[in-house]
Amino acid sequence: MLLVLFQPDIPQNLGAALRLGACMDVPVHVIEPCGFPLSDKAIRRAALDYGDPAQVVRHPGWADFVASKGDGRIVLFSTKAAQPLHDFSFRADDMLLFGRESIGVPDEVHEGADARVFIPLSPGRRSLNVTVSAAIGLSEALRQTGQFPKAVI
């Protein structure tokens, strides 16, 4: 399972996604360019105290990400999708892709996804914060595939 952010606009959302990935033991892939300068120092700053356990992979662009993806499916979370996430069957090697906070993803990325799902919202509501969406989507995917980290009590 991978968490993939397409050209994130807001460094705090990247930081929250890195914390999510670190806590769930899921690598976070970032497809650049970002809406802010992205350096190793910026990643550490955004991740706060979760920088070390976070597994971050950077890709210079969409084509580079696609070329490196292997056999896993790209599952795009989009308000333009037709299938609700709770009706989708996730697999352990899925790559959960989330678009830019400001504009989502371009048509090329939408068409390049192997599957597209949406998170149902109350009528009249447009969207959730990207990291909240990532947490909801990742939780469902980990639940379905039995990949949640084991609780230590």
N, C-alpha and C. Protein backbone atom coordinates (compact mmCIF):
# COMPACT_ATOMS: atom_id res chain seq x y z
N MET A 1 0.85 -1.17 0.00
CA MET A 1 0.00 0.00 0.00
C MET A 1 0.89 1.23 0.00
N LEU A 2 0.54 2.20 -0.83
CA LEU A 2 1.25 3.47 -0.87
C LEU A 2 0.25 4.61 -0.79
N LEU A 3 0.66 5.70 -0.19
CA LEU A 3 -0.09 6.94 -0.17
C LEU A 3 0.64 7.88 -1.11
N VAL A 4 -0.06 8.42 -2.12
CA VAL A 4 0.58 9.23 -3.15
C VAL A 4 -0.10 10.59 -3.20
N LEU A 5 0.70 11.65 -3.13
CA LEU A 5 0.19 13.02 -3.23
C LEU A 5 0.67 13.62 -4.53
N PHE A 6 -0.28 14.12 -5.32
CA PHE A 6 0.04 14.74 -6.60
C PHE A 6 0.20 16.25 -6.41
N GLN A 7 1.40 16.74 -6.58
CA GLN A 7 1.73 18.16 -6.54
C GLN A 7 1.03 18.92 -5.40
N PRO A 8 1.28 18.52 -4.16
CA PRO A 8 0.60 19.19 -3.05
C PRO A 8 0.89 20.70 -3.03
N ASP A 9 -0.12 21.47 -2.62
CA ASP A 9 -0.03 22.94 -2.56
C ASP A 9 0.38 23.46 -1.20
N ILE A 10 0.05 22.72 -0.14
CA ILE A 10 0.15 23.25 1.22
C ILE A 10 1.11 22.39 2.04
N PRO A 11 2.22 22.97 2.51
CA PRO A 11 3.20 22.17 3.22
C PRO A 11 2.65 21.50 4.49
N GLN A 12 1.72 22.16 5.17
CA GLN A 12 1.15 21.56 6.39
C GLN A 12 0.37 20.28 6.06
N ASN A 13 -0.27 20.23 4.91
CA ASN A 13 -0.98 19.02 4.52
C ASN A 13 0.01 17.89 4.21
N LEU A 14 1.14 18.24 3.59
CA LEU A 14 2.18 17.24 3.36
C LEU A 14 2.68 16.72 4.70
N GLY A 15 2.89 17.62 5.65
CA GLY A 15 3.34 17.20 6.97
C GLY A 15 2.36 16.25 7.63
N ALA A 16 1.08 16.57 7.54
CA ALA A 16 0.06 15.68 8.12
C ALA A 16 0.02 14.34 7.40
N ALA A 17 0.22 14.35 6.08
CA ALA A 17 0.25 13.09 5.33
C ALA A 17 1.48 12.26 5.70
N LEU A 18 2.61 12.91 5.95
CA LEU A 18 3.81 12.19 6.36
C LEU A 18 3.60 11.57 7.74
N ARG A 19 2.94 12.28 8.62
CA ARG A 19 2.63 11.73 9.95
C ARG A 19 1.69 10.54 9.79
N LEU A 20 0.67 10.67 8.95
CA LEU A 20 -0.26 9.57 8.69
C LEU A 20 0.50 8.35 8.17
N GLY A 21 1.36 8.55 7.18
CA GLY A 21 2.14 7.44 6.64
C GLY A 21 3.03 6.79 7.69
N ALA A 22 3.68 7.62 8.50
CA ALA A 22 4.57 7.08 9.55
C ALA A 22 3.77 6.28 10.57
N CYS A 23 2.62 6.79 10.97
CA CYS A 23 1.82 6.10 11.99
C CYS A 23 1.20 4.81 11.47
N MET A 24 0.90 4.75 10.19
CA MET A 24 0.29 3.56 9.60
C MET A 24 1.31 2.67 8.90
N ASP A 25 2.59 3.05 8.95
CA ASP A 25 3.68 2.31 8.33
C ASP A 25 3.45 2.15 6.82
N VAL A 26 3.08 3.26 6.19
CA VAL A 26 2.81 3.28 4.75
C VAL A 26 3.70 4.35 4.11
N PRO A 27 4.48 3.99 3.08
CA PRO A 27 5.30 4.99 2.41
C PRO A 27 4.44 6.07 1.75
N VAL A 28 4.97 7.29 1.74
CA VAL A 28 4.31 8.42 1.09
C VAL A 28 5.15 8.81 -0.12
N HIS A 29 4.51 8.83 -1.28
CA HIS A 29 5.16 9.26 -2.50
C HIS A 29 4.63 10.64 -2.86
N VAL A 30 5.53 11.53 -3.25
CA VAL A 30 5.17 12.90 -3.61
C VAL A 30 5.53 13.11 -5.08
N ILE A 31 4.52 13.45 -5.87
CA ILE A 31 4.74 13.75 -7.28
C ILE A 31 4.89 15.27 -7.40
N GLU A 32 6.04 15.70 -7.84
CA GLU A 32 6.35 17.12 -7.95
C GLU A 32 5.97 17.66 -9.33
N PRO A 33 5.94 18.98 -9.51
CA PRO A 33 6.36 20.01 -8.57
C PRO A 33 5.27 20.31 -7.54
N CYS A 34 5.72 20.77 -6.40
CA CYS A 34 4.80 21.14 -5.33
C CYS A 34 4.54 22.65 -5.39
N GLY A 35 3.53 23.09 -4.68
CA GLY A 35 3.20 24.52 -4.62
C GLY A 35 4.07 25.27 -3.64
N PHE A 36 5.14 24.65 -3.18
CA PHE A 36 6.07 25.24 -2.22
C PHE A 36 7.43 24.59 -2.46
N PRO A 37 8.50 25.23 -2.05
CA PRO A 37 9.82 24.61 -2.23
C PRO A 37 9.91 23.31 -1.44
N LEU A 38 10.30 22.24 -2.11
CA LEU A 38 10.39 20.94 -1.45
C LEU A 38 11.85 20.49 -1.43
N SER A 39 12.39 20.44 -0.26
CA SER A 39 13.75 19.96 -0.05
C SER A 39 13.71 18.95 1.08
N ASP A 40 14.81 18.25 1.29
CA ASP A 40 14.85 17.32 2.41
C ASP A 40 14.61 18.06 3.73
N LYS A 41 15.15 19.27 3.84
CA LYS A 41 14.95 20.08 5.05
C LYS A 41 13.47 20.44 5.20
N ALA A 42 12.82 20.80 4.10
CA ALA A 42 11.39 21.15 4.15
C ALA A 42 10.55 19.93 4.54
N ILE A 43 10.93 18.76 4.05
CA ILE A 43 10.20 17.54 4.41
C ILE A 43 10.35 17.28 5.91
N ARG A 44 11.57 17.39 6.43
CA ARG A 44 11.78 17.19 7.87
C ARG A 44 10.98 18.20 8.68
N ARG A 45 10.97 19.45 8.24
CA ARG A 45 10.22 20.49 8.95
C ARG A 45 8.73 20.21 8.89
N ALA A 46 8.22 19.81 7.74
CA ALA A 46 6.79 19.54 7.58
C ALA A 46 6.36 18.34 8.40
N ALA A 47 7.24 17.35 8.53
CA ALA A 47 6.90 16.11 9.24
C ALA A 47 7.06 16.24 10.75
N LEU A 48 7.67 17.35 11.21
CA LEU A 48 7.94 17.57 12.63
C LEU A 48 8.70 16.38 13.20
N ASP A 49 8.22 15.79 14.26
CA ASP A 49 8.95 14.69 14.90
C ASP A 49 8.71 13.34 14.22
N TYR A 50 7.98 13.32 13.11
CA TYR A 50 7.74 12.07 12.39
C TYR A 50 8.59 11.98 11.12
N GLY A 51 9.55 12.88 10.98
CA GLY A 51 10.40 12.86 9.79
C GLY A 51 11.22 11.61 9.63
N ASP A 52 11.78 11.09 10.73
CA ASP A 52 12.61 9.90 10.63
C ASP A 52 11.81 8.64 10.31
N PRO A 53 10.70 8.38 11.01
CA PRO A 53 9.98 7.14 10.66
C PRO A 53 9.21 7.23 9.34
N ALA A 54 8.97 8.46 8.83
CA ALA A 54 8.24 8.60 7.57
C ALA A 54 9.11 8.09 6.41
N GLN A 55 8.49 7.33 5.53
CA GLN A 55 9.16 6.85 4.32
C GLN A 55 8.67 7.71 3.17
N VAL A 56 9.54 8.56 2.64
CA VAL A 56 9.16 9.51 1.60
C VAL A 56 9.92 9.20 0.32
N VAL A 57 9.18 9.14 -0.79
CA VAL A 57 9.79 8.96 -2.11
C VAL A 57 9.30 10.11 -2.97
N ARG A 58 10.24 10.80 -3.60
CA ARG A 58 9.89 11.94 -4.46
C ARG A 58 10.01 11.54 -5.93
N HIS A 59 9.06 12.03 -6.73
CA HIS A 59 9.07 11.80 -8.18
C HIS A 59 9.03 13.17 -8.86
N PRO A 60 9.91 13.41 -9.84
CA PRO A 60 9.94 14.72 -10.50
C PRO A 60 8.67 15.07 -11.26
N GLY A 61 7.86 14.09 -11.62
CA GLY A 61 6.64 14.36 -12.37
C GLY A 61 5.79 13.11 -12.51
N TRP A 62 4.63 13.28 -13.11
CA TRP A 62 3.67 12.18 -13.28
C TRP A 62 4.27 11.03 -14.06
N ALA A 63 4.93 11.32 -15.19
CA ALA A 63 5.50 10.26 -16.03
C ALA A 63 6.54 9.45 -15.26
N ASP A 64 7.33 10.10 -14.43
CA ASP A 64 8.33 9.40 -13.63
C ASP A 64 7.66 8.47 -12.62
N PHE A 65 6.58 8.94 -12.01
CA PHE A 65 5.86 8.10 -11.05
C PHE A 65 5.30 6.86 -11.76
N VAL A 66 4.63 7.07 -12.90
CA VAL A 66 4.02 5.96 -13.64
C VAL A 66 5.09 4.96 -14.06
N ALA A 67 6.23 5.45 -14.49
CA ALA A 67 7.32 4.56 -14.94
C ALA A 67 7.86 3.71 -13.79
N SER A 68 7.72 4.19 -12.56
CA SER A 68 8.29 3.46 -11.42
C SER A 68 7.26 2.66 -10.63
N LYS A 69 6.01 2.67 -11.04
CA LYS A 69 4.93 2.14 -10.20
C LYS A 69 4.88 0.62 -10.07
N GLY A 70 5.43 -0.12 -10.96
CA GLY A 70 5.36 -1.58 -10.87
C GLY A 70 3.97 -2.09 -11.21
N ASP A 71 3.56 -3.17 -10.54
CA ASP A 71 2.31 -3.84 -10.87
C ASP A 71 1.10 -3.33 -10.10
N GLY A 72 1.29 -2.52 -9.10
CA GLY A 72 0.16 -2.04 -8.29
C GLY A 72 -0.79 -1.16 -9.08
N ARG A 73 -2.02 -1.09 -8.58
CA ARG A 73 -3.03 -0.23 -9.22
C ARG A 73 -2.95 1.19 -8.65
N ILE A 74 -3.17 2.16 -9.51
CA ILE A 74 -3.32 3.54 -9.06
C ILE A 74 -4.80 3.76 -8.82
N VAL A 75 -5.16 4.05 -7.57
CA VAL A 75 -6.55 4.29 -7.20
C VAL A 75 -6.66 5.78 -6.87
N LEU A 76 -7.30 6.52 -7.75
CA LEU A 76 -7.46 7.96 -7.59
C LEU A 76 -8.71 8.27 -6.76
N PHE A 77 -8.53 9.09 -5.75
CA PHE A 77 -9.65 9.61 -4.98
C PHE A 77 -10.03 10.94 -5.59
N SER A 78 -11.28 11.04 -6.08
CA SER A 78 -11.69 12.22 -6.84
C SER A 78 -13.17 12.49 -6.64
N THR A 79 -13.52 13.76 -6.55
CA THR A 79 -14.93 14.12 -6.50
C THR A 79 -15.62 13.84 -7.83
N LYS A 80 -14.85 13.58 -8.89
CA LYS A 80 -15.40 13.28 -10.21
C LYS A 80 -15.59 11.78 -10.44
N ALA A 81 -15.23 10.96 -9.46
CA ALA A 81 -15.34 9.51 -9.60
C ALA A 81 -16.80 9.07 -9.49
N ALA A 82 -17.09 7.85 -9.94
CA ALA A 82 -18.45 7.32 -9.91
C ALA A 82 -18.66 6.25 -8.85
N GLN A 83 -17.58 5.71 -8.29
CA GLN A 83 -17.71 4.59 -7.35
C GLN A 83 -17.35 5.03 -5.93
N PRO A 84 -18.25 4.82 -4.97
CA PRO A 84 -17.92 5.15 -3.59
C PRO A 84 -16.84 4.22 -3.04
N LEU A 85 -15.97 4.75 -2.19
CA LEU A 85 -14.85 3.94 -1.71
C LEU A 85 -15.31 2.70 -0.97
N HIS A 86 -16.45 2.73 -0.30
CA HIS A 86 -16.89 1.56 0.47
C HIS A 86 -17.42 0.44 -0.44
N ASP A 87 -17.63 0.72 -1.73
CA ASP A 87 -18.03 -0.32 -2.68
C ASP A 87 -16.84 -0.84 -3.50
N PHE A 88 -15.66 -0.33 -3.23
CA PHE A 88 -14.46 -0.70 -3.98
C PHE A 88 -13.68 -1.75 -3.21
N SER A 89 -13.13 -2.72 -3.92
CA SER A 89 -12.30 -3.76 -3.28
C SER A 89 -10.83 -3.39 -3.44
N PHE A 90 -10.24 -2.97 -2.34
CA PHE A 90 -8.83 -2.59 -2.34
C PHE A 90 -7.95 -3.84 -2.30
N ARG A 91 -6.73 -3.68 -2.85
CA ARG A 91 -5.73 -4.74 -2.80
C ARG A 91 -4.51 -4.22 -2.04
N ALA A 92 -3.72 -5.14 -1.53
CA ALA A 92 -2.57 -4.79 -0.69
C ALA A 92 -1.53 -3.94 -1.43
N ASP A 93 -1.45 -4.04 -2.75
CA ASP A 93 -0.44 -3.29 -3.49
C ASP A 93 -0.99 -2.02 -4.15
N ASP A 94 -2.17 -1.58 -3.75
CA ASP A 94 -2.75 -0.37 -4.32
C ASP A 94 -1.96 0.87 -3.94
N MET A 95 -1.98 1.84 -4.84
CA MET A 95 -1.38 3.15 -4.61
C MET A 95 -2.52 4.16 -4.57
N LEU A 96 -2.77 4.72 -3.39
CA LEU A 96 -3.89 5.63 -3.20
C LEU A 96 -3.43 7.04 -3.55
N LEU A 97 -4.01 7.59 -4.60
CA LEU A 97 -3.56 8.87 -5.16
C LEU A 97 -4.54 9.98 -4.81
N PHE A 98 -4.00 11.09 -4.29
CA PHE A 98 -4.80 12.25 -3.91
C PHE A 98 -4.25 13.47 -4.62
N GLY A 99 -5.14 14.29 -5.17
CA GLY A 99 -4.74 15.44 -5.98
C GLY A 99 -4.43 16.69 -5.19
N ARG A 100 -4.13 17.72 -5.94
CA ARG A 100 -3.80 19.03 -5.36
C ARG A 100 -5.01 19.59 -4.61
N GLU A 101 -4.72 20.29 -3.55
CA GLU A 101 -5.78 20.91 -2.76
C GLU A 101 -6.57 21.91 -3.60
N SER A 102 -5.89 22.62 -4.49
CA SER A 102 -6.53 23.70 -5.25
C SER A 102 -7.31 23.23 -6.47
N ILE A 103 -6.79 22.23 -7.18
CA ILE A 103 -7.44 21.87 -8.46
C ILE A 103 -7.54 20.37 -8.73
N GLY A 104 -7.20 19.54 -7.78
CA GLY A 104 -7.27 18.10 -8.01
C GLY A 104 -6.15 17.63 -8.91
N VAL A 105 -6.51 16.85 -9.94
CA VAL A 105 -5.50 16.35 -10.89
C VAL A 105 -5.94 16.69 -12.31
N PRO A 106 -4.99 16.81 -13.24
CA PRO A 106 -5.35 17.06 -14.64
C PRO A 106 -5.95 15.80 -15.27
N ASP A 107 -6.58 15.99 -16.42
CA ASP A 107 -7.23 14.89 -17.13
C ASP A 107 -6.26 13.73 -17.39
N GLU A 108 -5.01 14.03 -17.72
CA GLU A 108 -4.02 12.98 -17.99
C GLU A 108 -3.87 12.04 -16.79
N VAL A 109 -3.86 12.59 -15.61
CA VAL A 109 -3.72 11.78 -14.40
C VAL A 109 -5.01 11.03 -14.12
N HIS A 110 -6.14 11.71 -14.28
CA HIS A 110 -7.45 11.07 -14.07
C HIS A 110 -7.58 9.86 -14.98
N GLU A 111 -7.22 10.03 -16.24
CA GLU A 111 -7.32 8.94 -17.22
C GLU A 111 -6.27 7.86 -16.98
N GLY A 112 -5.14 8.22 -16.39
CA GLY A 112 -4.07 7.26 -16.14
C GLY A 112 -4.30 6.38 -14.92
N ALA A 113 -5.30 6.71 -14.12
CA ALA A 113 -5.60 5.91 -12.93
C ALA A 113 -6.26 4.60 -13.34
N ASP A 114 -5.98 3.54 -12.60
CA ASP A 114 -6.60 2.24 -12.86
C ASP A 114 -8.01 2.17 -12.29
N ALA A 115 -8.28 2.97 -11.28
CA ALA A 115 -9.61 3.02 -10.66
C ALA A 115 -9.80 4.41 -10.06
N ARG A 116 -11.05 4.83 -9.95
CA ARG A 116 -11.40 6.12 -9.38
C ARG A 116 -12.51 5.93 -8.37
N VAL A 117 -12.32 6.47 -7.17
CA VAL A 117 -13.33 6.35 -6.12
C VAL A 117 -13.57 7.71 -5.49
N PHE A 118 -14.72 7.82 -4.82
CA PHE A 118 -15.00 9.05 -4.09
C PHE A 118 -15.45 8.71 -2.68
N ILE A 119 -15.32 9.68 -1.80
CA ILE A 119 -15.79 9.56 -0.42
C ILE A 119 -17.14 10.23 -0.36
N PRO A 120 -18.21 9.49 -0.05
CA PRO A 120 -19.53 10.11 0.00
C PRO A 120 -19.60 11.20 1.08
N LEU A 121 -20.21 12.32 0.72
CA LEU A 121 -20.39 13.45 1.63
C LEU A 121 -21.86 13.80 1.73
N SER A 122 -22.21 14.54 2.74
CA SER A 122 -23.59 15.03 2.87
C SER A 122 -23.94 15.89 1.67
N PRO A 123 -25.21 15.91 1.26
CA PRO A 123 -25.62 16.71 0.11
C PRO A 123 -25.20 18.18 0.27
N GLY A 124 -24.72 18.74 -0.82
CA GLY A 124 -24.31 20.14 -0.83
C GLY A 124 -22.88 20.38 -0.37
N ARG A 125 -22.19 19.36 0.07
CA ARG A 125 -20.80 19.51 0.51
C ARG A 125 -19.88 19.17 -0.66
N ARG A 126 -18.86 19.99 -0.85
CA ARG A 126 -18.00 19.87 -2.03
C ARG A 126 -16.86 18.88 -1.83
N SER A 127 -16.10 19.04 -0.73
CA SER A 127 -14.95 18.17 -0.56
C SER A 127 -14.40 18.28 0.86
N LEU A 128 -13.51 17.36 1.18
CA LEU A 128 -12.80 17.34 2.46
C LEU A 128 -11.36 17.84 2.25
N ASN A 129 -10.70 18.16 3.33
CA ASN A 129 -9.27 18.44 3.28
C ASN A 129 -8.56 17.21 2.73
N VAL A 130 -7.52 17.41 1.94
CA VAL A 130 -6.85 16.29 1.27
C VAL A 130 -6.29 15.27 2.26
N THR A 131 -5.77 15.74 3.38
CA THR A 131 -5.20 14.78 4.34
C THR A 131 -6.29 14.04 5.10
N VAL A 132 -7.42 14.70 5.34
CA VAL A 132 -8.56 14.00 5.95
C VAL A 132 -9.05 12.93 4.98
N SER A 133 -9.13 13.27 3.70
CA SER A 133 -9.53 12.29 2.69
C SER A 133 -8.54 11.13 2.64
N ALA A 134 -7.25 11.45 2.72
CA ALA A 134 -6.22 10.40 2.69
C ALA A 134 -6.37 9.47 3.90
N ALA A 135 -6.67 10.04 5.06
CA ALA A 135 -6.84 9.21 6.27
C ALA A 135 -8.05 8.30 6.14
N ILE A 136 -9.15 8.82 5.60
CA ILE A 136 -10.35 8.00 5.40
C ILE A 136 -10.07 6.89 4.39
N GLY A 137 -9.50 7.26 3.25
CA GLY A 137 -9.22 6.28 2.21
C GLY A 137 -8.21 5.23 2.64
N LEU A 138 -7.13 5.67 3.27
CA LEU A 138 -6.11 4.73 3.72
C LEU A 138 -6.67 3.80 4.79
N SER A 139 -7.48 4.33 5.69
CA SER A 139 -8.07 3.48 6.73
C SER A 139 -8.93 2.38 6.13
N GLU A 140 -9.76 2.72 5.16
CA GLU A 140 -10.61 1.71 4.53
C GLU A 140 -9.77 0.69 3.78
N ALA A 141 -8.75 1.15 3.05
CA ALA A 141 -7.89 0.23 2.30
C ALA A 141 -7.13 -0.70 3.25
N LEU A 142 -6.59 -0.16 4.34
CA LEU A 142 -5.86 -1.00 5.31
C LEU A 142 -6.81 -1.98 5.99
N ARG A 143 -8.02 -1.53 6.29
CA ARG A 143 -9.01 -2.41 6.93
C ARG A 143 -9.34 -3.58 6.01
N GLN A 144 -9.63 -3.27 4.75
CA GLN A 144 -10.00 -4.32 3.81
C GLN A 144 -8.88 -5.33 3.58
N THR A 145 -7.66 -4.86 3.58
CA THR A 145 -6.52 -5.73 3.24
C THR A 145 -5.83 -6.31 4.49
N GLY A 146 -6.34 -6.02 5.65
CA GLY A 146 -5.75 -6.54 6.88
C GLY A 146 -4.36 -6.00 7.17
N GLN A 147 -4.07 -4.79 6.74
CA GLN A 147 -2.73 -4.22 6.88
C GLN A 147 -2.61 -3.16 7.97
N PHE A 148 -3.64 -2.98 8.80
CA PHE A 148 -3.49 -2.02 9.88
C PHE A 148 -2.33 -2.45 10.76
N PRO A 149 -1.57 -1.50 11.30
CA PRO A 149 -0.51 -1.88 12.23
C PRO A 149 -1.11 -2.62 13.43
N LYS A 150 -0.36 -3.55 13.94
CA LYS A 150 -0.83 -4.32 15.11
C LYS A 150 -0.71 -3.45 16.35
N ALA A 151 -1.77 -3.38 17.12
CA ALA A 151 -1.79 -2.58 18.34
C ALA A 151 -0.89 -3.21 19.39
N VAL A 152 -0.12 -2.36 20.04
CA VAL A 152 0.73 -2.82 21.13
C VAL A 152 0.10 -2.28 22.42
N ILE A 153 -0.30 -3.20 23.27
CA ILE A 153 -1.00 -2.80 24.51
C ILE A 153 -0.11 -3.06 25.71
